[in-house]
Protein backbone atom coordinates (compact mmCIF):
# COMPACT_ATOMS: atom_id res chain seq x y z
CA MET A 1 -47.84 -62.33 107.74
CA PRO A 2 -47.86 -61.45 104.02
CA SER A 3 -50.70 -62.49 101.77
CA GLU A 4 -50.35 -65.55 99.58
CA ASP A 5 -49.19 -63.40 96.65
CA GLU A 6 -46.89 -61.07 98.59
CA ALA A 7 -43.65 -61.65 100.46
CA ALA A 8 -42.63 -59.69 103.54
CA CYS A 9 -39.32 -57.91 102.94
CA SER A 10 -36.78 -56.06 105.02
CA GLY A 11 -37.23 -52.81 103.13
CA GLY A 12 -34.62 -53.14 100.40
CA VAL A 13 -31.22 -52.10 101.76
CA PHE A 14 -29.34 -54.83 103.63
CA MET A 15 -28.71 -53.52 107.14
CA LYS A 16 -28.70 -56.62 109.35
CA ASN A 17 -28.34 -60.33 108.89
CA GLN A 18 -31.73 -61.75 107.98
CA LEU A 19 -33.87 -64.85 108.41
CA TYR A 20 -36.91 -65.10 106.14
CA TYR A 21 -39.93 -67.32 106.67
CA GLY A 22 -41.79 -68.15 103.49
CA ASP A 23 -41.58 -69.46 99.93
CA ASN A 24 -38.03 -68.80 98.80
CA LEU A 25 -39.13 -68.13 95.21
CA LYS A 26 -41.35 -65.23 96.27
CA ILE A 27 -38.74 -63.92 98.69
CA LEU A 28 -36.00 -64.07 96.05
CA ARG A 29 -38.15 -62.27 93.51
CA GLU A 30 -39.50 -59.58 95.82
CA CYS A 31 -36.89 -59.08 98.53
CA ILE A 32 -33.37 -59.88 97.29
CA GLN A 33 -31.75 -57.25 95.10
CA ASP A 34 -29.97 -57.89 91.80
CA VAL A 35 -26.23 -58.73 91.99
CA SER A 36 -26.16 -58.39 95.78
CA ILE A 37 -24.98 -61.85 96.93
CA ASP A 38 -21.37 -63.04 97.08
CA LEU A 39 -21.95 -66.76 97.71
CA ILE A 40 -24.95 -69.07 97.55
CA TYR A 41 -25.11 -72.53 99.08
CA LEU A 42 -28.29 -74.53 98.71
CA ASP A 43 -29.16 -78.00 99.87
CA PRO A 44 -32.64 -78.47 98.40
CA PRO A 45 -34.74 -81.61 98.82
CA PHE A 46 -33.39 -84.28 96.47
CA ASN A 47 -36.75 -85.69 95.34
CA SER A 48 -35.85 -88.95 97.03
CA ASN A 49 -39.49 -89.69 97.95
CA ARG A 50 -38.68 -89.82 101.65
CA SER A 51 -40.16 -88.20 104.75
CA TYR A 52 -37.70 -86.41 107.02
CA ASN A 53 -38.28 -86.25 110.76
CA VAL A 54 -36.84 -83.83 113.28
CA LEU A 55 -35.45 -85.55 116.35
CA PHE A 56 -35.90 -83.73 119.64
CA LYS A 57 -34.04 -84.29 122.88
CA ASP A 58 -35.61 -85.67 126.01
CA GLU A 59 -34.84 -84.60 129.56
CA SER A 60 -31.71 -86.75 129.66
CA GLY A 61 -30.28 -85.05 126.58
CA GLN A 62 -30.80 -88.13 124.40
CA ASP A 63 -32.98 -88.39 121.32
CA SER A 64 -36.64 -88.55 122.17
CA GLU A 65 -38.92 -91.21 120.77
CA ALA A 66 -41.18 -88.38 119.68
CA GLN A 67 -40.36 -87.15 116.22
CA LEU A 68 -42.01 -84.74 113.84
CA THR A 69 -42.20 -84.73 110.07
CA ALA A 70 -40.34 -81.58 109.06
CA PHE A 71 -40.98 -82.06 105.35
CA GLU A 72 -41.69 -84.73 102.81
CA ASP A 73 -39.10 -84.94 100.08
CA THR A 74 -41.75 -85.66 97.47
CA TRP A 75 -42.78 -83.33 94.67
CA HIS A 76 -45.98 -83.61 92.68
CA TRP A 77 -47.02 -82.56 89.21
CA ASP A 78 -50.00 -80.40 90.16
CA LEU A 79 -51.57 -77.10 89.17
CA TYR A 80 -48.77 -75.08 90.83
CA ALA A 81 -46.07 -77.08 89.02
CA ALA A 82 -47.92 -76.77 85.71
CA LYS A 83 -48.29 -73.02 86.23
CA THR A 84 -44.57 -72.66 86.96
CA TYR A 85 -43.76 -74.73 83.86
CA HIS A 86 -45.95 -72.46 81.72
CA GLU A 87 -44.22 -69.39 83.16
CA LEU A 88 -40.78 -70.82 82.35
CA VAL A 89 -41.76 -71.69 78.78
CA THR A 90 -43.44 -68.38 78.02
CA SER A 91 -41.43 -65.85 80.06
CA SER A 92 -37.88 -67.19 80.36
CA THR A 93 -35.01 -67.11 77.91
CA PRO A 94 -35.29 -69.31 74.81
CA LYS A 95 -32.63 -71.64 76.19
CA VAL A 96 -34.52 -72.19 79.45
CA ALA A 97 -37.80 -72.68 77.59
CA THR A 98 -36.17 -75.24 75.29
CA MET A 99 -34.53 -77.03 78.21
CA VAL A 100 -37.66 -77.47 80.33
CA GLY A 101 -39.68 -78.40 77.24
CA ALA A 102 -37.14 -81.09 76.35
CA LEU A 103 -37.23 -82.43 79.92
CA ARG A 104 -41.00 -82.68 79.73
CA GLU A 105 -40.76 -84.65 76.50
CA LEU A 106 -38.02 -86.86 77.94
CA ILE A 107 -39.37 -87.77 81.39
CA GLY A 108 -43.05 -86.85 81.20
CA GLU A 109 -45.29 -85.08 83.71
CA ASN A 110 -44.27 -86.67 86.99
CA GLN A 111 -42.66 -85.95 90.36
CA MET A 112 -39.21 -85.53 88.86
CA LEU A 113 -40.41 -82.96 86.32
CA ALA A 114 -42.24 -81.08 89.08
CA TYR A 115 -39.02 -80.98 91.11
CA LEU A 116 -36.92 -79.78 88.16
CA VAL A 117 -39.44 -77.12 87.18
CA MET A 118 -39.54 -75.77 90.74
CA MET A 119 -35.75 -75.82 91.01
CA THR A 120 -35.25 -74.15 87.61
CA ALA A 121 -37.46 -71.23 88.61
CA ARG A 122 -35.40 -70.75 91.75
CA LEU A 123 -32.03 -71.15 90.03
CA ILE A 124 -32.97 -68.36 87.61
CA GLU A 125 -33.52 -66.04 90.56
CA LEU A 126 -30.34 -67.17 92.29
CA HIS A 127 -28.36 -66.36 89.14
CA ARG A 128 -29.96 -62.90 89.08
CA VAL A 129 -29.04 -62.01 92.68
CA LEU A 130 -25.47 -63.31 92.45
CA LYS A 131 -22.66 -60.80 91.96
CA PRO A 132 -20.30 -61.18 88.97
CA THR A 133 -17.64 -62.24 91.48
CA GLY A 134 -20.00 -64.73 93.12
CA SER A 135 -20.29 -68.51 93.26
CA LEU A 136 -23.08 -71.04 93.72
CA TYR A 137 -22.77 -74.47 95.33
CA LEU A 138 -25.76 -76.79 94.84
CA HIS A 139 -25.75 -79.86 97.10
CA CYS A 140 -27.50 -82.90 95.62
CA ASP A 141 -27.21 -86.65 95.20
CA SER A 142 -27.40 -89.08 92.30
CA THR A 143 -31.21 -89.04 92.27
CA ALA A 144 -31.54 -85.79 90.34
CA GLY A 145 -28.01 -84.40 90.09
CA HIS A 146 -27.62 -85.09 86.37
CA TYR A 147 -30.84 -83.23 85.57
CA LEU A 148 -29.90 -80.32 87.84
CA LYS A 149 -26.60 -79.96 86.02
CA ILE A 150 -28.48 -79.54 82.74
CA ALA A 151 -30.53 -76.77 84.32
CA LEU A 152 -27.43 -75.09 85.74
CA ASP A 153 -25.56 -75.34 82.44
CA THR A 154 -28.51 -73.65 80.76
CA ILE A 155 -28.85 -70.83 83.30
CA PHE A 156 -25.20 -70.20 84.24
CA SER A 157 -23.61 -71.49 80.99
CA SER A 158 -21.46 -74.59 80.89
CA GLN A 159 -18.32 -72.45 80.65
CA PHE A 160 -18.93 -71.33 84.23
CA PHE A 161 -19.18 -74.85 85.61
CA MET A 162 -16.15 -75.29 87.86
CA ASN A 163 -16.43 -78.66 89.60
CA GLU A 164 -18.65 -81.55 90.49
CA ILE A 165 -17.41 -82.04 94.03
CA VAL A 166 -17.85 -85.56 95.38
CA TRP A 167 -18.37 -85.60 99.13
CA LYS A 168 -17.81 -88.99 100.72
CA ARG A 169 -20.32 -88.96 103.56
CA PHE A 170 -19.83 -92.50 104.82
CA ASN A 171 -17.07 -95.07 104.79
CA PHE A 172 -19.50 -97.97 104.57
CA HIS A 173 -23.11 -98.30 103.49
CA ALA A 174 -24.67 -101.64 102.69
CA ASP A 175 -27.17 -101.88 99.83
CA ALA A 176 -28.59 -105.29 99.03
CA LYS A 177 -28.59 -105.24 95.22
CA ARG A 178 -26.28 -102.39 94.24
CA PHE A 179 -23.01 -100.80 95.29
CA GLY A 180 -23.32 -98.86 98.52
CA ARG A 181 -24.18 -95.21 98.06
CA VAL A 182 -21.73 -93.27 100.22
CA THR A 183 -21.41 -89.94 98.38
CA ASP A 184 -23.23 -86.71 97.61
CA ARG A 185 -22.55 -84.27 94.80
CA ILE A 186 -21.94 -80.52 95.14
CA LEU A 187 -22.19 -78.66 91.81
CA PHE A 188 -19.96 -75.59 91.81
CA TYR A 189 -20.78 -72.76 89.36
CA VAL A 190 -19.65 -69.14 89.10
CA LYS A 191 -21.29 -66.04 87.62
CA SER A 192 -18.31 -64.88 85.55
CA ASP A 193 -14.56 -65.34 85.18
CA LYS A 194 -14.06 -62.66 87.87
CA TYR A 195 -15.16 -65.02 90.63
CA VAL A 196 -13.55 -65.13 94.07
CA PHE A 197 -11.60 -68.31 94.80
CA ASN A 198 -9.24 -68.76 97.73
CA LYS A 199 -7.11 -71.85 97.22
CA LEU A 200 -7.30 -74.08 100.30
CA SER A 201 -5.19 -76.86 101.70
CA THR A 202 -5.42 -79.52 104.36
CA THR A 203 -2.65 -81.02 106.43
CA PHE A 204 -0.73 -83.91 104.90
CA SER A 205 -1.81 -87.34 106.03
CA GLU A 206 0.61 -89.41 108.09
CA LYS A 207 0.90 -91.94 105.26
CA TYR A 208 1.69 -89.21 102.73
CA ILE A 209 4.38 -87.79 104.99
CA GLU A 210 5.83 -91.27 105.55
CA ASP A 211 5.88 -92.04 101.82
CA LYS A 212 7.07 -88.68 100.45
CA PHE A 213 9.08 -86.89 103.12
CA ARG A 214 11.76 -89.53 103.52
CA TYR A 215 14.81 -87.29 103.98
CA PHE A 216 16.20 -85.29 106.89
CA ASP A 217 18.73 -82.47 107.02
CA GLU A 218 21.49 -82.42 109.59
CA ASP A 219 19.35 -80.05 111.66
CA GLY A 220 16.50 -82.59 111.63
CA ARG A 221 14.26 -80.82 109.13
CA GLN A 222 12.20 -83.28 107.08
CA TYR A 223 11.92 -82.84 103.31
CA ARG A 224 10.99 -84.45 100.01
CA LEU A 225 12.64 -84.06 96.62
CA ASP A 226 11.17 -82.20 93.66
CA ASN A 227 12.52 -81.82 90.14
CA LEU A 228 13.99 -78.56 88.90
CA ASN A 229 12.41 -78.71 85.46
CA PRO A 230 10.89 -75.41 84.27
CA PRO A 231 7.15 -75.18 83.66
CA GLY A 232 6.39 -76.10 80.06
CA GLY A 233 10.01 -77.07 79.48
CA ARG A 234 11.03 -73.46 78.90
CA GLY A 235 13.66 -71.99 81.18
CA PRO A 236 17.19 -70.59 81.25
CA ILE A 237 19.75 -73.03 79.83
CA TYR A 238 23.11 -73.38 81.56
CA GLU A 239 25.43 -75.98 83.08
CA PHE A 240 24.84 -76.93 86.70
CA HIS A 241 26.75 -79.76 88.38
CA GLY A 242 27.76 -81.19 85.01
CA ILE A 243 24.28 -81.09 83.47
CA THR A 244 23.40 -78.57 80.76
CA LYS A 245 19.64 -78.20 80.28
CA PRO A 246 16.71 -75.82 80.84
CA TRP A 247 16.29 -75.16 84.58
CA ARG A 248 13.43 -73.79 86.67
CA TYR A 249 15.44 -70.92 88.12
CA THR A 250 18.18 -68.59 86.91
CA GLN A 251 21.78 -69.61 87.53
CA GLU A 252 22.12 -66.95 90.23
CA LYS A 253 19.01 -68.26 92.05
CA MET A 254 20.26 -71.85 91.82
CA LEU A 255 23.60 -70.93 93.34
CA GLN A 256 21.82 -69.05 96.13
CA LEU A 257 19.57 -72.06 96.88
CA GLU A 258 22.59 -74.36 96.92
CA ALA A 259 24.42 -72.07 99.31
CA GLU A 260 21.38 -72.09 101.61
CA GLY A 261 21.24 -75.92 101.53
CA GLY A 262 18.06 -76.01 99.44
CA ILE A 263 19.49 -78.12 96.59
CA TYR A 264 20.06 -81.88 96.81
CA THR A 265 23.04 -83.02 94.71
CA GLY A 266 23.38 -86.61 95.87
CA SER A 267 21.77 -88.00 92.71
CA LYS A 268 22.69 -87.87 89.02
CA ILE A 269 20.81 -84.59 88.62
CA ALA A 270 20.23 -81.82 91.13
CA GLN A 271 16.82 -81.72 92.85
CA LEU A 272 14.97 -79.18 94.96
CA LYS A 273 14.36 -79.80 98.66
CA ARG A 274 10.73 -79.24 99.74
CA TYR A 275 10.68 -78.91 103.53
CA LEU A 276 7.61 -80.25 105.34
CA GLY A 277 7.50 -77.31 107.73
CA GLU A 278 7.45 -74.77 104.90
CA LEU A 279 4.64 -76.30 102.85
CA PRO A 280 1.01 -75.26 103.43
CA GLY A 281 -0.31 -78.79 103.06
CA GLN A 282 -2.19 -80.83 100.48
CA ALA A 283 -4.18 -78.75 97.99
CA ILE A 284 -7.87 -79.67 98.18
CA HIS A 285 -9.21 -81.49 95.13
CA GLU A 286 -12.78 -82.28 94.10
CA LEU A 287 -12.98 -85.53 96.06
CA TRP A 288 -13.77 -84.55 99.64
CA ASP A 289 -13.20 -87.69 101.66
CA ASP A 290 -11.81 -86.05 104.81
CA ILE A 291 -15.11 -84.69 106.20
CA SER A 292 -17.54 -87.21 107.64
CA SER A 293 -21.26 -86.82 108.05
CA ILE A 294 -22.57 -85.99 111.51
CA ASN A 295 -22.75 -89.13 113.60
CA PRO A 296 -25.52 -89.65 116.19
CA GLN A 297 -23.19 -88.79 119.10
CA ALA A 298 -21.64 -85.66 117.57
CA LYS A 299 -21.88 -82.56 119.74
CA GLU A 300 -22.90 -80.40 116.78
CA ARG A 301 -25.85 -82.65 115.93
CA LEU A 302 -29.15 -80.84 116.43
CA GLY A 303 -31.55 -83.54 115.26
CA TYR A 304 -32.49 -81.93 111.95
CA PRO A 305 -32.77 -84.62 109.27
CA THR A 306 -30.53 -83.14 106.56
CA GLN A 307 -28.03 -81.33 108.79
CA LYS A 308 -24.61 -80.93 107.18
CA PRO A 309 -21.30 -80.71 109.07
CA VAL A 310 -19.92 -77.31 109.98
CA ALA A 311 -16.58 -78.37 108.45
CA LEU A 312 -18.20 -78.90 105.05
CA LEU A 313 -19.68 -75.41 104.97
CA GLU A 314 -16.49 -73.88 106.36
CA ARG A 315 -14.59 -75.21 103.37
CA ILE A 316 -17.10 -73.76 100.90
CA VAL A 317 -17.37 -70.39 102.63
CA GLN A 318 -13.60 -70.00 102.99
CA ALA A 319 -12.95 -70.98 99.38
CA SER A 320 -15.49 -68.71 97.70
CA SER A 321 -15.90 -65.66 99.93
CA ASN A 322 -14.01 -63.18 102.06
CA GLU A 323 -14.76 -61.53 105.39
CA GLY A 324 -17.71 -59.18 105.14
CA ASP A 325 -19.19 -60.90 102.08
CA LEU A 326 -22.91 -61.72 101.95
CA ILE A 327 -23.90 -65.41 102.01
CA LEU A 328 -27.35 -66.71 101.03
CA ASP A 329 -28.93 -70.08 101.82
CA PRO A 330 -32.45 -70.31 100.32
CA PHE A 331 -33.13 -73.74 101.89
CA CYS A 332 -31.74 -72.90 105.31
CA GLY A 333 -32.97 -75.90 107.32
CA CYS A 334 -31.31 -76.01 110.72
CA GLY A 335 -29.00 -73.10 109.88
CA THR A 336 -25.53 -74.59 109.35
CA THR A 337 -24.76 -72.11 106.55
CA ILE A 338 -25.63 -69.04 108.60
CA HIS A 339 -23.82 -70.56 111.60
CA VAL A 340 -20.62 -70.86 109.57
CA ALA A 341 -21.09 -67.43 107.99
CA GLU A 342 -21.37 -65.89 111.45
CA LYS A 343 -18.35 -67.81 112.70
CA LEU A 344 -16.21 -66.72 109.75
CA LYS A 345 -17.29 -63.07 109.91
CA ARG A 346 -19.52 -63.05 106.85
CA ARG A 347 -22.95 -61.46 106.54
CA TRP A 348 -25.87 -63.78 105.84
CA ILE A 349 -29.44 -64.32 104.67
CA GLY A 350 -31.33 -67.54 105.39
CA ILE A 351 -34.74 -68.58 104.03
CA ASP A 352 -36.96 -71.46 105.06
CA ILE A 353 -40.60 -72.36 104.55
CA THR A 354 -41.28 -73.88 107.98
CA HIS A 355 -41.53 -72.16 111.33
CA LEU A 356 -39.99 -75.24 112.89
CA ALA A 357 -36.72 -74.59 111.02
CA ILE A 358 -36.79 -70.85 111.80
CA ALA A 359 -37.25 -71.62 115.50
CA LEU A 360 -34.33 -74.05 115.46
CA GLN A 361 -32.13 -71.47 113.72
CA LYS A 362 -32.95 -68.80 116.30
CA TYR A 363 -32.08 -71.08 119.22
CA ARG A 364 -28.90 -72.15 117.45
CA LEU A 365 -27.76 -68.55 116.95
CA LYS A 366 -28.50 -67.77 120.59
CA ASP A 367 -26.65 -70.83 121.92
CA ALA A 368 -23.61 -70.59 119.63
CA PHE A 369 -23.09 -66.81 119.43
CA ASN A 370 -25.51 -65.24 121.92
CA LEU A 371 -27.28 -63.54 119.01
CA ILE A 372 -30.70 -62.10 119.79
CA GLU A 373 -33.49 -61.53 117.29
CA LYS A 374 -34.05 -57.83 116.44
CA ARG A 375 -30.90 -56.79 118.27
CA ASP A 376 -28.44 -58.74 116.12
CA TYR A 377 -30.52 -59.91 113.16
CA ASP A 378 -34.03 -59.63 111.77
CA VAL A 379 -36.62 -62.36 111.28
CA ILE A 380 -38.88 -61.40 108.40
CA GLY A 381 -42.20 -63.06 107.62
CA GLU A 382 -43.03 -64.28 111.12
CA PRO A 383 -46.00 -62.70 112.86
CA GLU A 384 -45.07 -59.57 114.78
CA ASP A 385 -48.55 -58.56 115.89
CA LEU A 386 -51.95 -60.08 116.48
CA SER A 387 -53.29 -59.37 113.01
CA SER A 388 -50.39 -61.11 111.28
CA ALA A 389 -50.77 -64.04 113.70
CA ARG A 390 -54.42 -64.31 112.71
CA GLN A 391 -53.42 -64.27 109.05
CA LEU A 392 -50.94 -67.11 109.59
CA ALA A 393 -53.64 -69.14 111.33
CA LEU A 394 -55.95 -68.60 108.36
CA ASP A 395 -53.23 -69.41 105.81
CA ASP A 396 -51.85 -72.52 107.48
CA ARG A 397 -53.03 -73.67 110.91
CA TYR A 398 -50.25 -76.22 111.04
CA GLN A 399 -47.51 -73.58 110.61
CA PHE A 400 -49.34 -71.39 113.13
CA GLN A 401 -49.17 -74.23 115.64
CA TRP A 402 -45.43 -74.70 115.08
CA TRP A 403 -44.83 -70.98 115.42
CA ALA A 404 -46.93 -70.68 118.58
CA LEU A 405 -45.12 -73.61 120.22
CA SER A 406 -41.77 -72.06 119.34
CA LEU A 407 -42.68 -68.98 121.39
CA ILE A 408 -42.37 -71.06 124.57
CA GLN A 409 -39.73 -73.50 123.24
CA ALA A 410 -42.15 -76.43 123.30
CA GLN A 411 -41.57 -79.58 121.27
CA PRO A 412 -44.26 -80.07 118.61
CA LEU A 413 -45.91 -83.46 118.68
CA GLY A 414 -47.45 -85.39 115.81
CA GLY A 415 -48.01 -83.89 112.46
CA ASP A 416 -48.48 -85.15 108.96
CA GLY A 417 -46.36 -83.31 106.44
CA LYS A 418 -48.56 -84.40 103.56
CA ARG A 419 -51.85 -83.14 104.98
CA LYS A 420 -50.28 -80.28 106.95
CA GLN A 421 -52.28 -81.05 110.08
CA GLY A 422 -51.63 -82.43 113.50
CA LYS A 423 -51.73 -86.13 114.15
CA LYS A 424 -55.10 -87.19 115.52
CA GLY A 425 -55.80 -89.90 118.04
CA ALA A 426 -52.35 -90.85 119.27
CA ASP A 427 -51.57 -87.46 120.82
CA LYS A 428 -55.05 -87.12 122.40
CA GLY A 429 -55.27 -83.37 122.30
CA ILE A 430 -51.61 -82.63 123.04
CA ASP A 431 -49.97 -80.31 120.48
CA GLY A 432 -46.64 -79.83 122.22
CA MET A 433 -44.58 -80.78 125.23
CA ILE A 434 -41.69 -79.68 127.40
CA THR A 435 -39.96 -82.24 129.62
CA PHE A 436 -37.88 -81.21 132.61
CA LEU A 437 -36.07 -82.63 135.62
CA ASP A 438 -37.22 -81.16 138.90
CA ASP A 439 -36.29 -83.92 141.32
CA PRO A 440 -32.89 -85.69 141.00
CA LYS A 441 -34.37 -88.84 142.53
CA GLY A 442 -37.57 -88.86 140.51
CA ALA A 443 -38.80 -89.34 136.97
CA PRO A 444 -38.82 -86.48 134.46
CA LYS A 445 -41.82 -84.19 134.55
CA LYS A 446 -43.99 -83.13 131.63
CA LEU A 447 -45.54 -79.83 130.61
CA ILE A 448 -48.17 -80.36 127.93
CA VAL A 449 -49.41 -77.70 125.52
CA GLN A 450 -52.56 -77.18 123.51
CA VAL A 451 -52.76 -74.52 120.79
CA LYS A 452 -56.11 -72.99 119.82
CA SER A 453 -56.48 -70.67 116.86
CA GLY A 454 -60.28 -70.50 116.94
CA LYS A 455 -62.88 -69.66 119.55
CA VAL A 456 -62.20 -70.91 123.08
CA LYS A 457 -64.51 -71.71 125.98
CA SER A 458 -64.36 -72.96 129.55
CA GLY A 459 -64.88 -76.52 128.33
CA ASP A 460 -61.43 -76.35 126.72
CA ILE A 461 -59.92 -75.79 130.16
CA ARG A 462 -61.83 -78.72 131.69
CA ASP A 463 -60.66 -80.92 128.81
CA LEU A 464 -57.05 -79.86 129.36
CA VAL A 465 -57.33 -80.61 133.10
CA GLY A 466 -58.56 -84.08 132.19
CA THR A 467 -55.59 -84.51 129.83
CA LEU A 468 -53.24 -83.36 132.61
CA ASP A 469 -54.61 -86.02 134.94
CA ARG A 470 -54.59 -88.74 132.32
CA GLU A 471 -51.01 -88.01 131.22
CA LYS A 472 -49.83 -87.43 134.81
CA ALA A 473 -48.33 -84.15 133.62
CA ALA A 474 -47.08 -81.52 136.04
CA ILE A 475 -48.24 -78.43 134.16
CA GLY A 476 -50.60 -77.70 131.30
CA VAL A 477 -50.53 -74.65 129.02
CA LEU A 478 -53.22 -73.42 126.66
CA ILE A 479 -51.96 -71.06 123.95
CA THR A 480 -54.87 -69.20 122.44
CA LEU A 481 -55.29 -66.64 119.70
CA GLU A 482 -58.45 -65.28 121.34
CA GLU A 483 -58.72 -63.74 124.79
CA PRO A 484 -59.93 -66.19 127.48
CA THR A 485 -63.30 -65.67 129.15
CA LYS A 486 -63.72 -65.06 132.87
CA ASP A 487 -65.02 -68.60 133.26
CA MET A 488 -61.87 -69.96 131.58
CA ASN A 489 -59.62 -68.01 133.94
CA ALA A 490 -61.65 -69.28 136.89
CA GLU A 491 -61.40 -72.89 135.69
CA ALA A 492 -57.62 -72.49 135.24
CA ALA A 493 -57.21 -71.04 138.73
CA SER A 494 -59.15 -73.90 140.27
CA ALA A 495 -56.67 -76.40 138.84
CA GLY A 496 -54.26 -75.49 141.65
CA PHE A 497 -50.47 -75.48 141.64
CA TYR A 498 -47.48 -77.66 140.90
CA HIS A 499 -44.92 -77.50 143.70
CA SER A 500 -41.28 -77.71 142.59
CA PRO A 501 -39.21 -79.72 145.08
CA ASN A 502 -35.94 -78.43 143.64
CA TRP A 503 -36.88 -74.77 143.74
CA ASN A 504 -39.39 -74.92 146.61
CA LYS A 505 -41.75 -72.83 144.54
CA ASP A 506 -45.34 -73.13 143.33
CA TYR A 507 -46.25 -72.83 139.66
CA PRO A 508 -49.82 -72.58 138.30
CA ARG A 509 -50.81 -76.07 137.20
CA LEU A 510 -52.86 -74.76 134.30
CA GLN A 511 -51.74 -71.62 132.50
CA ILE A 512 -53.44 -69.66 129.73
CA LEU A 513 -51.14 -67.69 127.43
CA THR A 514 -52.57 -65.57 124.65
CA ILE A 515 -50.64 -64.89 121.45
CA ALA A 516 -50.90 -61.18 122.18
CA ALA A 517 -49.24 -61.67 125.58
CA LEU A 518 -46.51 -63.88 124.14
CA LEU A 519 -45.73 -61.26 121.50
CA GLN A 520 -45.32 -58.78 124.36
CA GLY A 521 -42.82 -61.03 126.11
CA ALA A 522 -44.96 -63.19 128.38
CA ALA A 523 -43.49 -66.58 129.23
CA VAL A 524 -44.63 -69.91 130.57
CA GLN A 525 -44.07 -70.38 134.32
CA ILE A 526 -41.91 -73.47 134.74
CA PRO A 527 -38.84 -74.53 136.74
CA PRO A 528 -35.75 -73.17 134.93
CA THR A 529 -34.27 -76.54 133.96
CA ALA A 530 -36.41 -77.30 130.95
CA ARG A 531 -35.11 -77.38 127.41
CA THR A 532 -36.55 -78.99 124.29
CA TYR A 533 -34.38 -78.04 121.34
CA LYS A 534 -30.88 -79.46 121.32
CA LYS A 535 -28.32 -76.91 122.41
CA ALA A 536 -25.74 -75.83 119.83
CA GLN A 537 -22.10 -75.67 120.88
CA LYS A 538 -20.77 -72.29 121.93
CA GLU A 539 -18.72 -70.79 119.11
CA THR A 540 -16.20 -68.01 118.68
CA ARG A 541 -15.85 -66.05 115.47
CA THR A 542 -12.68 -67.36 113.88
CA GLU A 543 -11.14 -67.96 110.49
CA GLY A 544 -11.92 -71.68 110.80
CA GLU A 545 -9.56 -74.57 111.40
CA GLN A 546 -10.58 -77.11 108.79
CA GLN A 547 -8.21 -75.91 106.10
CA ASN A 548 -5.65 -73.20 105.41
CA LEU A 549 -5.32 -70.69 102.64
CA LEU A 550 -2.47 -71.52 100.31
């Protein structure tokens, strides 16, 4: 685990796809090379003053009542924000300094200014790492989108603003005293006029086909009519079917099209036949109303609060990158961007500041593509040895707990995102849980977990046995940073065994797993039916099916 003022990096040259745990500003500054990224998508917190909970699955595959605060979408004007503001004013370009100074005068020192200051610092770094051919898509909503556009215009230049894409997330949304908010914004900027852009299309709607393609050839081919006027009104002038005017094509080409049946002459002036089967589809515009948000029953839904549809990211990745290009998501969340990048044969870098998100991304990559950490990609910033695990525990016990639970795929319980500590009282000493079915005729069974980062003693084992009895749990696990004493091992052994009726096998009822052992590959002993994180759909690496290249 790096120190507070140092980010762990991969060593400079990009060799494998990468997941980073840590502050994306530090990682961008210290680990991502200049002009190395082809496409950036970021979906940062919107400063909506909301708390976002991760939903886990229970043993039936449905959402569990237990939820966990992944992050609070609330920013505060504090010493860190003030320090970042000072850095921007004194060390950035004059335009950036003027912009953030004007925002401070306009809106004052508050949560919104803190958010904009933090985002501006990161957008400067994202502009630095982007290639001249690269693009950036910033996903936001109406809460702060207008301020973010000012920041982007300042950093990227307004001449490189391409679109404000409006994504219609919902068809209906009832708000009591205002019009229903059903859209997000995606601000699309490029680094230079050399940017990559692949024009995309979607299939024509049935209504469009019914309204426009009203004609049929003798062979049954369906077509619509288009004028033969030249672009800009300038074209070869000649007489065709009694009309002398500028035409789109040369006279020779017109006669060839007519001979092939491609010209309609049943009206006062000749028109071009556009056959439905020969057209790529409807060109995509900046209103995206054909991709819905992920509904609660969707197979791709993983329970992460701000998860975006695969189809949405497919459209962005296909439009602004090519196979082999390098995609960056600095607010990676549940990993939809890297999922799509992998599916569409792009390279990728993901960054997130919570071990909960990193764990979810790793399970998603394994489920969807059978990708294995270290073999297929690197995870940078997570503890790899006992000393770095100790450092994480010292830096942030809450993140240490999340990381430790992820090593055995246990569901974290409780947690207060504001205070960065576990919930007290309600969970009664339980830090995590795994539920499993071990008897088709019986109720689901529970495995409860406690995580200890400090000194441990035999009394901790007796307490956990008491919790096992009280909760009627099948198995208890103590994850400890320190080695257990002989008395602790004896207490654990005396707790006996859980007998699995399905597998006709005994499992230790109380198990002690050290961080050192887990880092060496040790695993909890449990019937092989348990799973906590929602399973991602199996994927194949394809070119995507949401839209076609024109």
